[in-house]
Structure formats: structure tokens, C-alpha cells
């Protein structure tokens, strides 16, 4: 048998518009929505923290690259000279007649576009910054880069070797 509609239950009356199924489903969905918003805010905060740490790391990395290239060039042999430029956008370009690399920070990644010899330039991720156990780590070639100096040496070793070999 169907229940009769009580004319005192008006559609606009909130007290009359209660239903256990609806109330429970709404509460569940509202909780899930709040959890999703909290996760999104946490993810945004994490991305910002990683980007800030990457920026600080990048500046030190650039400073060390410049220092190491200048030390290399101070050896005085003109044919092994490696040129260095830091652009206004923060990217770095290193080159020698047979090798070149352009590096840039792109959010949580340090990207490099480079070539060796007559090969075509190729872009790849050189460093990836990730939050691991509450701190930001730089991941270099599947290993943690213990410092910007280690990453600079990893990058410059093959460039200097190629320049010396030519």
C-alpha cells in the first residue's frame, strides 16, 4: 500500500525533506569531497615546496657550473675552451665546437637539450625533484644527486672529455 502525501509536507520545508538514505549518502559524498579538497590542497602545497627547493638547488647548480667551466677554461688551452651563457630566463647553455648542452628548470625537472658531435639535439630530463619522506631530493640518472656539485660534475665530465679529445 502506498503512503499518502501529507499536504503539510511542503517541498520548501527543510524539516520535511529528510530521508535516511539521502542524508547518509549526502554525508558520505560530502566527506569524500572534503577529503579530495584536502588532498588537492596538500598536493598543491607539495608542488610549491618542491618547486621552491628546486629553484634554490638550481641557482647553486648554475653557480657551480660557471665556476667549474671557468676553472676548466683557465687551463689555457684554446682548443678545449668551453663557452658558458646564462640567459635571462635562467637557462644555461654550454658549448664547444663538438658538444653542446642547454639546461633549463621546468617546474620540478631540470631539462637538457644537447648534442655530441654531428648528432641532432635531443631533449631529456636531467634532474627530477621529488618530495621523499618530508624533504625534497634531486634524482639524477636513477640515483639521488647528493648535491648540486655532484650533478654539475656528472654533466660536465662528458663535455670536458669530449672537448679535450677533439
C-alpha atoms as a PDB file:
ATOM      1  CA  UNK A   1       0.000   0.000   0.000  1.00  0.00           C
ATOM      2  CA  UNK A   2       1.270   3.462  -0.845  1.00  0.00           C
ATOM      3  CA  UNK A   3       1.599   6.118   1.825  1.00  0.00           C
ATOM      4  CA  UNK A   4      -0.446   9.186   1.241  1.00  0.00           C
ATOM      5  CA  UNK A   5       1.288  12.507   0.778  1.00  0.00           C
ATOM      6  CA  UNK A   6       0.682  14.801   3.720  1.00  0.00           C
ATOM      7  CA  UNK A   7      -0.169  18.267   2.495  1.00  0.00           C
ATOM      8  CA  UNK A   8       1.733  19.728   5.469  1.00  0.00           C
ATOM      9  CA  UNK A   9       4.992  18.367   3.967  1.00  0.00           C
ATOM     10  CA  UNK A  10       5.813  21.210   1.623  1.00  0.00           C
ATOM     11  CA  UNK A  11       8.723  20.846  -0.838  1.00  0.00           C
ATOM     12  CA  UNK A  12      10.413  24.010   0.519  1.00  0.00           C
ATOM     13  CA  UNK A  13      10.240  22.876   4.143  1.00  0.00           C
ATOM     14  CA  UNK A  14      13.713  21.501   5.046  1.00  0.00           C
ATOM     15  CA  UNK A  15      12.483  19.577   8.080  1.00  0.00           C
ATOM     16  CA  UNK A  16      10.048  17.729   5.866  1.00  0.00           C
ATOM     17  CA  UNK A  17      12.791  16.947   3.339  1.00  0.00           C
ATOM     18  CA  UNK A  18      14.760  14.437   5.381  1.00  0.00           C
ATOM     19  CA  UNK A  19      15.380  10.899   4.319  1.00  0.00           C
ATOM     20  CA  UNK A  20      17.837   8.487   5.936  1.00  0.00           C
ATOM     21  CA  UNK A  21      19.205   7.200   2.600  1.00  0.00           C
ATOM     22  CA  UNK A  22      19.650  10.729   1.236  1.00  0.00           C
ATOM     23  CA  UNK A  23      21.137  12.006   4.497  1.00  0.00           C
ATOM     24  CA  UNK A  24      23.666   9.173   4.700  1.00  0.00           C
ATOM     25  CA  UNK A  25      24.628   9.368   1.037  1.00  0.00           C
ATOM     26  CA  UNK A  26      24.972  13.144   1.210  1.00  0.00           C
ATOM     27  CA  UNK A  27      27.138  12.885   4.343  1.00  0.00           C
ATOM     28  CA  UNK A  28      29.339  10.255   2.670  1.00  0.00           C
ATOM     29  CA  UNK A  29      29.727  12.262  -0.540  1.00  0.00           C
ATOM     30  CA  UNK A  30      30.372  15.487   1.372  1.00  0.00           C
ATOM     31  CA  UNK A  31      33.105  13.767   3.410  1.00  0.00           C
ATOM     32  CA  UNK A  32      34.696  12.416   0.226  1.00  0.00           C
ATOM     33  CA  UNK A  33      34.546  15.889  -1.342  1.00  0.00           C
ATOM     34  CA  UNK A  34      36.228  17.446   1.699  1.00  0.00           C
ATOM     35  CA  UNK A  35      38.921  14.745   1.674  1.00  0.00           C
ATOM     36  CA  UNK A  36      39.532  15.364  -2.049  1.00  0.00           C
ATOM     37  CA  UNK A  37      39.836  19.112  -1.431  1.00  0.00           C
ATOM     38  CA  UNK A  38      42.280  18.480   1.400  1.00  0.00           C
ATOM     39  CA  UNK A  39      44.341  16.140  -0.801  1.00  0.00           C
ATOM     40  CA  UNK A  40      44.346  18.697  -3.614  1.00  0.00           C
ATOM     41  CA  UNK A  41      45.490  21.449  -1.244  1.00  0.00           C
ATOM     42  CA  UNK A  42      48.210  19.175   0.129  1.00  0.00           C
ATOM     43  CA  UNK A  43      49.348  18.259  -3.390  1.00  0.00           C
ATOM     44  CA  UNK A  44      49.462  21.937  -4.369  1.00  0.00           C
ATOM     45  CA  UNK A  45      51.481  22.741  -1.260  1.00  0.00           C
ATOM     46  CA  UNK A  46      53.867  19.858  -2.032  1.00  0.00           C
ATOM     47  CA  UNK A  47      54.327  21.016  -5.644  1.00  0.00           C
ATOM     48  CA  UNK A  48      55.060  24.544  -4.429  1.00  0.00           C
ATOM     49  CA  UNK A  49      57.542  23.282  -1.817  1.00  0.00           C
ATOM     50  CA  UNK A  50      59.279  21.106  -4.441  1.00  0.00           C
ATOM     51  CA  UNK A  51      59.419  23.996  -6.931  1.00  0.00           C
ATOM     52  CA  UNK A  52      60.872  26.340  -4.273  1.00  0.00           C
ATOM     53  CA  UNK A  53      63.531  23.787  -3.290  1.00  0.00           C
ATOM     54  CA  UNK A  54      64.300  23.104  -6.970  1.00  0.00           C
ATOM     55  CA  UNK A  55      64.797  26.833  -7.563  1.00  0.00           C
ATOM     56  CA  UNK A  56      67.304  27.122  -4.720  1.00  0.00           C
ATOM     57  CA  UNK A  57      69.094  23.956  -5.872  1.00  0.00           C
ATOM     58  CA  UNK A  58      69.128  25.246  -9.471  1.00  0.00           C
ATOM     59  CA  UNK A  59      70.774  28.543  -8.501  1.00  0.00           C
ATOM     60  CA  UNK A  60      73.561  26.708  -6.675  1.00  0.00           C
ATOM     61  CA  UNK A  61      73.920  24.286  -9.595  1.00  0.00           C
ATOM     62  CA  UNK A  62      74.278  27.208 -12.051  1.00  0.00           C
ATOM     63  CA  UNK A  63      76.847  28.918  -9.824  1.00  0.00           C
ATOM     64  CA  UNK A  64      78.871  25.698  -9.624  1.00  0.00           C
ATOM     65  CA  UNK A  65      78.664  25.104 -13.381  1.00  0.00           C
ATOM     66  CA  UNK A  66      80.002  28.572 -14.031  1.00  0.00           C
ATOM     67  CA  UNK A  67      82.825  28.088 -11.527  1.00  0.00           C
ATOM     68  CA  UNK A  68      83.825  24.680 -12.933  1.00  0.00           C
ATOM     69  CA  UNK A  69      83.697  25.892 -16.559  1.00  0.00           C
ATOM     70  CA  UNK A  70      85.830  28.915 -15.655  1.00  0.00           C
ATOM     71  CA  UNK A  71      88.311  26.623 -13.851  1.00  0.00           C
ATOM     72  CA  UNK A  72      88.429  24.375 -16.928  1.00  0.00           C
ATOM     73  CA  UNK A  73      88.967  27.307 -19.262  1.00  0.00           C
ATOM     74  CA  UNK A  74      91.729  28.653 -17.001  1.00  0.00           C
ATOM     75  CA  UNK A  75      93.823  25.680 -18.104  1.00  0.00           C
ATOM     76  CA  UNK A  76      94.659  27.918 -21.054  1.00  0.00           C
ATOM     77  CA  UNK A  77      94.297  25.571 -24.000  1.00  0.00           C
ATOM     78  CA  UNK A  78      92.183  27.436 -26.556  1.00  0.00           C
ATOM     79  CA  UNK A  79      91.073  24.279 -28.348  1.00  0.00           C
ATOM     80  CA  UNK A  80      89.438  22.840 -25.203  1.00  0.00           C
ATOM     81  CA  UNK A  81      87.670  26.076 -24.217  1.00  0.00           C
ATOM     82  CA  UNK A  82      84.001  25.522 -23.252  1.00  0.00           C
ATOM     83  CA  UNK A  83      81.704  28.533 -23.570  1.00  0.00           C
ATOM     84  CA  UNK A  84      79.081  29.358 -20.998  1.00  0.00           C
ATOM     85  CA  UNK A  85      75.972  31.577 -21.117  1.00  0.00           C
ATOM     86  CA  UNK A  86      73.188  32.087 -18.616  1.00  0.00           C
ATOM     87  CA  UNK A  87      70.085  33.524 -20.268  1.00  0.00           C
ATOM     88  CA  UNK A  88      67.639  35.973 -18.709  1.00  0.00           C
ATOM     89  CA  UNK A  89      65.076  33.168 -18.319  1.00  0.00           C
ATOM     90  CA  UNK A  90      67.547  31.218 -16.147  1.00  0.00           C
ATOM     91  CA  UNK A  91      68.506  28.634 -18.753  1.00  0.00           C
ATOM     92  CA  UNK A  92      72.159  27.755 -19.234  1.00  0.00           C
ATOM     93  CA  UNK A  93      73.995  26.992 -22.439  1.00  0.00           C
ATOM     94  CA  UNK A  94      77.357  25.227 -22.550  1.00  0.00           C
ATOM     95  CA  UNK A  95      79.101  24.577 -25.833  1.00  0.00           C
ATOM     96  CA  UNK A  96      82.252  23.590 -27.575  1.00  0.00           C
ATOM     97  CA  UNK A  97      82.596  23.008 -31.306  1.00  0.00           C
ATOM     98  CA  UNK A  98      81.713  19.302 -30.888  1.00  0.00           C
ATOM     99  CA  UNK A  99      79.307  19.267 -27.969  1.00  0.00           C
ATOM    100  CA  UNK A 100      76.613  21.478 -26.538  1.00  0.00           C
ATOM    101  CA  UNK A 101      74.022  21.377 -23.799  1.00  0.00           C
ATOM    102  CA  UNK A 102      71.242  23.755 -22.919  1.00  0.00           C
ATOM    103  CA  UNK A 103      69.686  23.313 -19.480  1.00  0.00           C
ATOM    104  CA  UNK A 104      66.557  24.833 -18.020  1.00  0.00           C
ATOM    105  CA  UNK A 105      64.478  24.410 -14.926  1.00  0.00           C
ATOM    106  CA  UNK A 106      60.902  23.393 -15.754  1.00  0.00           C
ATOM    107  CA  UNK A 107      58.941  23.126 -12.520  1.00  0.00           C
ATOM    108  CA  UNK A 108      60.160  20.014 -10.766  1.00  0.00           C
ATOM    109  CA  UNK A 109      62.574  18.994 -13.524  1.00  0.00           C
ATOM    110  CA  UNK A 110      65.859  20.187 -14.926  1.00  0.00           C
ATOM    111  CA  UNK A 111      65.691  19.544 -18.643  1.00  0.00           C
ATOM    112  CA  UNK A 112      68.626  19.379 -21.010  1.00  0.00           C
ATOM    113  CA  UNK A 113      68.774  19.615 -24.764  1.00  0.00           C
ATOM    114  CA  UNK A 114      72.116  18.564 -26.112  1.00  0.00           C
ATOM    115  CA  UNK A 115      74.168  17.052 -28.854  1.00  0.00           C
ATOM    116  CA  UNK A 116      77.526  15.371 -29.207  1.00  0.00           C
ATOM    117  CA  UNK A 117      79.399  15.610 -32.483  1.00  0.00           C
ATOM    118  CA  UNK A 118      77.170  15.732 -35.516  1.00  0.00           C
ATOM    119  CA  UNK A 119      74.153  14.197 -33.775  1.00  0.00           C
ATOM    120  CA  UNK A 120      70.862  16.047 -33.638  1.00  0.00           C
ATOM    121  CA  UNK A 121      69.996  17.782 -30.364  1.00  0.00           C
ATOM    122  CA  UNK A 122      67.910  15.631 -28.024  1.00  0.00           C
ATOM    123  CA  UNK A 123      65.869  16.760 -25.019  1.00  0.00           C
ATOM    124  CA  UNK A 124      65.743  14.764 -21.820  1.00  0.00           C
ATOM    125  CA  UNK A 125      65.128  15.131 -18.119  1.00  0.00           C
ATOM    126  CA  UNK A 126      68.477  15.591 -16.388  1.00  0.00           C
ATOM    127  CA  UNK A 127      67.271  16.007 -12.791  1.00  0.00           C
ATOM    128  CA  UNK A 128      63.878  15.344 -11.257  1.00  0.00           C
ATOM    129  CA  UNK A 129      62.987  16.866  -7.912  1.00  0.00           C
ATOM    130  CA  UNK A 130      60.699  14.852  -5.634  1.00  0.00           C
ATOM    131  CA  UNK A 131      59.498  15.023  -2.107  1.00  0.00           C
ATOM    132  CA  UNK A 132      60.717  11.955  -0.249  1.00  0.00           C
ATOM    133  CA  UNK A 133      59.922  11.479   3.438  1.00  0.00           C
ATOM    134  CA  UNK A 134      59.263  15.158   4.044  1.00  0.00           C
ATOM    135  CA  UNK A 135      62.280  16.579   2.223  1.00  0.00           C
ATOM    136  CA  UNK A 136      62.962  17.374  -1.406  1.00  0.00           C
ATOM    137  CA  UNK A 137      65.530  15.222  -3.215  1.00  0.00           C
ATOM    138  CA  UNK A 138      67.149  15.664  -6.593  1.00  0.00           C
ATOM    139  CA  UNK A 139      67.075  12.450  -8.615  1.00  0.00           C
ATOM    140  CA  UNK A 140      69.868  12.170 -11.172  1.00  0.00           C
ATOM    141  CA  UNK A 141      70.009   9.221 -13.582  1.00  0.00           C
ATOM    142  CA  UNK A 142      68.068   6.934 -11.231  1.00  0.00           C
ATOM    143  CA  UNK A 143      70.233   7.912  -8.245  1.00  0.00           C
ATOM    144  CA  UNK A 144      69.879  10.673  -5.717  1.00  0.00           C
ATOM    145  CA  UNK A 145      72.139  13.593  -6.548  1.00  0.00           C
ATOM    146  CA  UNK A 146      73.750  14.232  -3.199  1.00  0.00           C
ATOM    147  CA  UNK A 147      74.436  17.849  -4.101  1.00  0.00           C
ATOM    148  CA  UNK A 148      74.399  20.364  -6.939  1.00  0.00           C
ATOM    149  CA  UNK A 149      78.173  19.796  -7.189  1.00  0.00           C
ATOM    150  CA  UNK A 150      77.692  16.078  -7.899  1.00  0.00           C
ATOM    151  CA  UNK A 151      75.142  16.915 -10.604  1.00  0.00           C
ATOM    152  CA  UNK A 152      77.435  19.558 -12.125  1.00  0.00           C
ATOM    153  CA  UNK A 153      80.316  17.094 -12.283  1.00  0.00           C
ATOM    154  CA  UNK A 154      78.042  14.433 -13.768  1.00  0.00           C
ATOM    155  CA  UNK A 155      77.035  16.862 -16.527  1.00  0.00           C
ATOM    156  CA  UNK A 156      80.456  18.392 -17.177  1.00  0.00           C
ATOM    157  CA  UNK A 157      82.549  15.216 -17.188  1.00  0.00           C
ATOM    158  CA  UNK A 158      81.452  14.088 -20.658  1.00  0.00           C
ATOM    159  CA  UNK A 159      81.504  17.662 -22.031  1.00  0.00           C
ATOM    160  CA  UNK A 160      85.065  18.291 -20.835  1.00  0.00           C
ATOM    161  CA  UNK A 161      86.179  14.840 -22.000  1.00  0.00           C
ATOM    162  CA  UNK A 162      84.758  15.452 -25.478  1.00  0.00           C
ATOM    163  CA  UNK A 163      86.293  18.940 -25.656  1.00  0.00           C
ATOM    164  CA  UNK A 164      89.683  17.554 -24.608  1.00  0.00           C
ATOM    165  CA  UNK A 165      89.514  14.704 -27.126  1.00  0.00           C
ATOM    166  CA  UNK A 166      88.858  16.964 -30.140  1.00  0.00           C
END
